[in-house]
């Protein structure tokens, strides 16, 4: 399954302009044979002070616009957006299929920094998945992937391709360059990590969007500063062979790991 990663910040503060950019990326992705397009964290709104004012319900007008884009170009679209629900605002990612159906909606569970903790509510569901073309897709957002427990939970739930819209900033380029390949290898999955670029607020986003295979080898990598649409292929046969050869998940000893969830024993 060909996967496209849209390394872009859209137009911060303008949902309308960001939707236009997403439409153009979907058209190009479909023309290149992609079945899945992944945009960055908070793609529709950006890291702006009025992000809460731009929040919409998961079935709001922007969601319907993205569903139309997916149907128009026959490509599934995963995008980051601020979601409002019951008075709370979440940092979310939603996936629409080519038939306009919402296949999944995930809320970020690990908020990073003062800006996010001020504007968003923590999500509560650690594993959210969807099926596309026989591939089990899971979702995390940015900081979530930096916690090994999160990715391992997806591995144990059978995630094949982990989609991670992100907004990683300087000086944390070690995350896409080093950490994400290790996460893919130790958990035996593909990871699609789509970042923002440029300066917003006090943040300088570093790009380096990447698609990594279960062998830890990068299949596609974007540069640091420019908007890019990059492509990589999810290969189910390679994933199956890699899982057969790599013993990490088979050799786990869960009976030894109970202390990892004991806050008293880890000094919290």
Protein backbone atom coordinates (compact mmCIF):
# COMPACT_ATOMS: atom_id res chain seq x y z
CA UNK A 1 0.00 0.00 0.00
CA UNK A 2 1.59 3.23 -1.14
CA UNK A 3 1.56 5.83 1.62
CA UNK A 4 2.06 9.58 1.18
CA UNK A 5 3.29 11.85 3.98
CA UNK A 6 2.45 15.52 3.63
CA UNK A 7 5.12 17.51 5.45
CA UNK A 8 3.34 20.83 5.81
CA UNK A 9 1.93 23.25 8.35
CA UNK A 10 -0.95 24.26 6.11
CA UNK A 11 -1.92 27.85 6.89
CA UNK A 12 -1.89 28.34 10.68
CA UNK A 13 -5.06 30.05 11.82
CA UNK A 14 -6.97 29.39 8.59
CA UNK A 15 -8.87 26.12 8.34
CA UNK A 16 -10.12 27.07 4.87
CA UNK A 17 -6.63 27.57 3.44
CA UNK A 18 -5.33 24.43 5.15
CA UNK A 19 -8.14 22.43 3.55
CA UNK A 20 -7.12 23.78 0.14
CA UNK A 21 -3.55 22.62 0.76
CA UNK A 22 -4.81 19.20 1.84
CA UNK A 23 -6.92 18.95 -1.32
CA UNK A 24 -3.87 19.65 -3.48
CA UNK A 25 -1.77 17.10 -1.60
CA UNK A 26 -4.50 14.46 -1.95
CA UNK A 27 -4.70 15.05 -5.70
CA UNK A 28 -0.93 14.62 -6.06
CA UNK A 29 -0.88 11.60 -3.75
CA UNK A 30 -3.62 9.85 -5.70
CA UNK A 31 -1.89 10.60 -9.00
CA UNK A 32 1.21 8.84 -7.64
CA UNK A 33 -0.80 5.76 -6.67
CA UNK A 34 -1.09 6.37 -2.93
CA UNK A 35 -3.93 4.77 -0.99
CA UNK A 36 -3.24 6.70 2.22
CA UNK A 37 -2.28 10.33 2.82
CA UNK A 38 -1.02 11.40 6.26
CA UNK A 39 -0.92 15.10 7.23
CA UNK A 40 0.72 16.65 10.29
CA UNK A 41 -0.47 17.30 13.85
CA UNK A 42 -3.09 20.06 14.15
CA UNK A 43 -2.84 20.45 10.38
CA UNK A 44 -6.14 22.26 9.97
CA UNK A 45 -5.60 24.90 12.67
CA UNK A 46 -1.93 25.13 13.58
CA UNK A 47 -0.27 26.15 16.83
CA UNK A 48 -2.09 29.44 17.27
CA UNK A 49 -3.55 31.09 20.36
CA UNK A 50 -7.07 30.80 18.92
CA UNK A 51 -6.76 27.04 18.38
CA UNK A 52 -9.68 26.38 20.74
CA UNK A 53 -11.88 28.76 18.75
CA UNK A 54 -11.07 26.76 15.61
CA UNK A 55 -12.02 23.43 17.19
CA UNK A 56 -14.88 21.46 15.65
CA UNK A 57 -16.76 18.27 16.35
CA UNK A 58 -15.47 15.09 14.74
CA UNK A 59 -18.41 15.29 12.32
CA UNK A 60 -18.23 19.07 11.82
CA UNK A 61 -17.92 21.02 8.56
CA UNK A 62 -14.17 20.54 8.25
CA UNK A 63 -14.55 16.80 8.73
CA UNK A 64 -17.14 16.73 5.96
CA UNK A 65 -14.75 18.69 3.73
CA UNK A 66 -11.98 16.15 4.36
CA UNK A 67 -14.40 13.30 3.66
CA UNK A 68 -15.17 14.95 0.31
CA UNK A 69 -11.44 15.22 -0.47
CA UNK A 70 -10.93 11.53 0.30
CA UNK A 71 -13.86 10.56 -1.93
CA UNK A 72 -12.85 12.94 -4.74
CA UNK A 73 -9.40 11.41 -5.12
CA UNK A 74 -10.14 7.89 -3.85
CA UNK A 75 -7.43 8.09 -1.18
CA UNK A 76 -7.78 7.68 2.59
CA UNK A 77 -6.79 10.83 4.49
CA UNK A 78 -5.48 11.09 8.06
CA UNK A 79 -5.19 14.64 9.38
CA UNK A 80 -4.62 16.43 12.67
CA UNK A 81 -7.21 18.89 14.00
CA UNK A 82 -8.54 20.40 17.25
CA UNK A 83 -11.67 18.48 18.24
CA UNK A 84 -14.38 19.84 20.52
CA UNK A 85 -16.65 17.47 22.36
CA UNK A 86 -18.82 18.18 25.40
CA UNK A 87 -17.01 21.36 26.31
CA UNK A 88 -13.54 19.79 26.07
CA UNK A 89 -11.01 20.35 23.27
CA UNK A 90 -8.72 17.53 22.17
CA UNK A 91 -5.65 17.33 19.95
CA UNK A 92 -6.97 14.70 17.55
CA UNK A 93 -6.33 12.81 14.33
CA UNK A 94 -9.12 11.45 12.16
CA UNK A 95 -8.99 9.03 9.24
CA UNK A 96 -11.50 9.16 6.40
CA UNK A 97 -11.73 6.40 3.84
CA UNK A 98 -12.25 6.82 0.10
CA UNK A 99 -15.96 6.16 0.65
CA UNK A 100 -16.29 9.23 2.95
CA UNK A 101 -16.58 7.02 6.04
CA UNK A 102 -14.81 8.04 9.24
CA UNK A 103 -12.64 5.01 10.01
CA UNK A 104 -11.04 6.22 13.25
CA UNK A 105 -10.65 9.20 15.54
CA UNK A 106 -7.84 9.32 18.12
CA UNK A 107 -7.19 11.90 20.85
CA UNK A 108 -3.62 12.60 21.97
CA UNK A 109 -2.93 10.94 25.31
CA UNK A 110 0.40 12.59 26.22
CA UNK A 111 0.27 16.38 25.96
CA UNK A 112 3.61 18.10 25.55
CA UNK A 113 4.53 21.44 27.06
CA UNK A 114 2.63 24.39 28.46
CA UNK A 115 0.82 25.31 25.22
CA UNK A 116 -0.80 21.90 24.80
CA UNK A 117 -1.66 21.43 28.47
CA UNK A 118 -3.28 24.88 28.49
CA UNK A 119 -5.38 24.34 25.37
CA UNK A 120 -6.23 20.62 25.29
CA UNK A 121 -7.69 17.80 27.36
CA UNK A 122 -5.87 14.47 27.64
CA UNK A 123 -7.26 11.63 25.54
CA UNK A 124 -8.04 8.39 27.36
CA UNK A 125 -7.93 5.66 24.70
CA UNK A 126 -4.35 4.38 24.21
CA UNK A 127 -5.07 2.18 21.19
CA UNK A 128 -7.33 3.25 18.33
CA UNK A 129 -7.22 1.26 15.08
CA UNK A 130 -8.80 1.09 11.65
CA UNK A 131 -8.72 -1.30 8.70
CA UNK A 132 -7.74 -0.12 5.22
CA UNK A 133 -7.03 -2.48 2.32
CA UNK A 134 -6.48 -5.31 4.80
CA UNK A 135 -3.92 -3.29 6.78
CA UNK A 136 -4.49 -2.68 10.49
CA UNK A 137 -3.66 0.99 11.04
CA UNK A 138 -3.06 2.45 14.49
CA UNK A 139 -2.77 6.06 15.61
CA UNK A 140 -0.60 8.11 17.94
CA UNK A 141 0.22 11.82 17.87
CA UNK A 142 3.75 13.25 18.18
CA UNK A 143 4.84 13.02 21.85
CA UNK A 144 2.83 9.80 22.26
CA UNK A 145 5.32 7.83 20.15
CA UNK A 146 8.18 8.81 22.45
CA UNK A 147 6.75 6.61 25.21
CA UNK A 148 7.70 2.99 24.49
CA UNK A 149 4.64 1.67 26.31
CA UNK A 150 2.34 3.36 23.79
CA UNK A 151 3.93 1.74 20.77
CA UNK A 152 4.22 -1.63 22.47
CA UNK A 153 0.50 -1.52 23.23
CA UNK A 154 -0.12 -1.12 19.50
CA UNK A 155 2.24 -3.98 18.71
CA UNK A 156 0.35 -6.27 21.10
CA UNK A 157 -2.94 -5.14 19.56
CA UNK A 158 -1.72 -6.13 16.10
CA UNK A 159 -1.10 -2.73 14.51
CA UNK A 160 0.66 -3.11 11.16
CA UNK A 161 1.11 0.55 10.25
CA UNK A 162 1.31 3.19 12.96
CA UNK A 163 0.26 6.65 11.73
CA UNK A 164 1.78 9.52 13.72
CA UNK A 165 0.89 13.11 12.77
CA UNK A 166 3.46 15.20 14.59
CA UNK A 167 4.80 18.64 15.40
CA UNK A 168 8.29 17.91 16.66
CA UNK A 169 10.46 20.98 17.10
CA UNK A 170 14.07 21.99 17.34
CA UNK A 171 16.23 20.57 18.98
CA UNK A 172 14.40 17.23 19.02
CA UNK A 173 15.18 16.01 15.50
CA UNK A 174 16.60 12.92 17.21
CA UNK A 175 12.99 11.68 17.38
CA UNK A 176 12.38 11.23 13.63
CA UNK A 177 16.02 10.48 12.86
CA UNK A 178 16.75 7.90 15.57
CA UNK A 179 13.86 7.12 17.91
CA UNK A 180 11.16 6.37 15.34
CA UNK A 181 13.28 3.79 13.46
CA UNK A 182 14.01 2.04 16.76
CA UNK A 183 10.30 2.03 17.69
CA UNK A 184 9.46 0.42 14.35
CA UNK A 185 12.15 -2.25 14.76
CA UNK A 186 11.49 -3.18 18.38
CA UNK A 187 7.72 -3.40 17.78
CA UNK A 188 7.77 -4.92 14.30
CA UNK A 189 5.57 -2.47 12.42
CA UNK A 190 5.72 0.30 9.85
CA UNK A 191 5.57 3.86 11.19
CA UNK A 192 4.42 6.87 9.16
CA UNK A 193 5.55 10.05 10.94
CA UNK A 194 4.40 13.32 9.29
CA UNK A 195 5.78 16.56 10.75
CA UNK A 196 5.13 20.29 10.52
CA UNK A 197 7.71 22.81 9.29
CA UNK A 198 8.60 26.42 9.98
CA UNK A 199 8.02 28.75 12.89
CA UNK A 200 4.81 29.11 14.91
CA UNK A 201 4.58 30.81 18.29
CA UNK A 202 7.96 30.05 19.90
CA UNK A 203 8.22 26.72 18.09
CA UNK A 204 10.55 25.91 15.19
CA UNK A 205 9.36 22.66 13.63
CA UNK A 206 12.09 20.49 12.15
CA UNK A 207 10.41 18.49 9.36
CA UNK A 208 12.26 15.20 8.73
CA UNK A 209 8.99 13.34 8.15
CA UNK A 210 9.68 9.67 7.70
CA UNK A 211 8.24 6.28 6.79
CA UNK A 212 10.12 3.43 8.45
CA UNK A 213 9.84 -0.33 8.01
CA UNK A 214 9.85 -3.07 10.68
CA UNK A 215 13.57 -3.59 10.06
CA UNK A 216 14.22 -0.02 11.24
CA UNK A 217 15.21 1.05 7.74
CA UNK A 218 13.86 4.37 6.46
CA UNK A 219 11.76 3.96 3.31
CA UNK A 220 11.19 7.69 2.76
CA UNK A 221 12.54 10.81 4.46
CA UNK A 222 11.77 14.50 3.97
CA UNK A 223 14.17 17.36 4.53
CA UNK A 224 14.18 19.84 7.36
CA UNK A 225 12.71 23.12 6.17
CA UNK A 226 10.53 22.73 3.08
CA UNK A 227 7.01 21.56 2.40
CA UNK A 228 7.22 18.12 0.80
CA UNK A 229 5.04 15.22 -0.24
CA UNK A 230 6.99 11.99 0.14
CA UNK A 231 6.05 8.40 -0.62
CA UNK A 232 6.84 4.97 0.75
CA UNK A 233 5.32 1.52 0.39
CA UNK A 234 3.81 -0.69 3.07
CA UNK A 235 4.72 -4.29 2.14
CA UNK A 236 2.62 -6.90 4.00
CA UNK A 237 4.82 -9.79 2.85
CA UNK A 238 7.95 -8.08 4.15
CA UNK A 239 6.19 -7.31 7.45
CA UNK A 240 5.18 -10.96 7.88
CA UNK A 241 8.71 -12.17 7.14
CA UNK A 242 10.23 -9.63 9.51
CA UNK A 243 7.87 -10.64 12.32
CA UNK A 244 8.74 -14.30 11.76
CA UNK A 245 12.47 -13.57 12.08
CA UNK A 246 12.45 -11.01 14.89
CA UNK A 247 11.84 -12.63 18.34
CA UNK A 248 11.24 -9.51 20.45
CA UNK A 249 7.49 -9.89 20.87
CA UNK A 250 7.64 -13.68 21.27
CA UNK A 251 10.39 -13.51 23.88
CA UNK A 252 8.69 -11.00 26.17
CA UNK A 253 8.21 -11.96 29.84
CA UNK A 254 5.23 -9.89 30.99
CA UNK A 255 5.34 -11.38 34.49
CA UNK A 256 8.52 -9.36 35.10
CA UNK A 257 7.09 -6.00 34.03
CA UNK A 258 4.39 -5.29 36.63
CA UNK A 259 6.58 -2.70 38.37
CA UNK A 260 6.53 -0.55 35.23
CA UNK A 261 2.96 0.49 36.06
CA UNK A 262 3.53 0.89 39.81
CA UNK A 263 3.90 4.65 40.36
CA UNK A 264 5.27 4.22 43.87
CA UNK A 265 8.13 2.04 42.68
CA UNK A 266 9.17 4.39 39.87
CA UNK A 267 9.29 7.45 42.12
CA UNK A 268 6.14 9.23 40.87
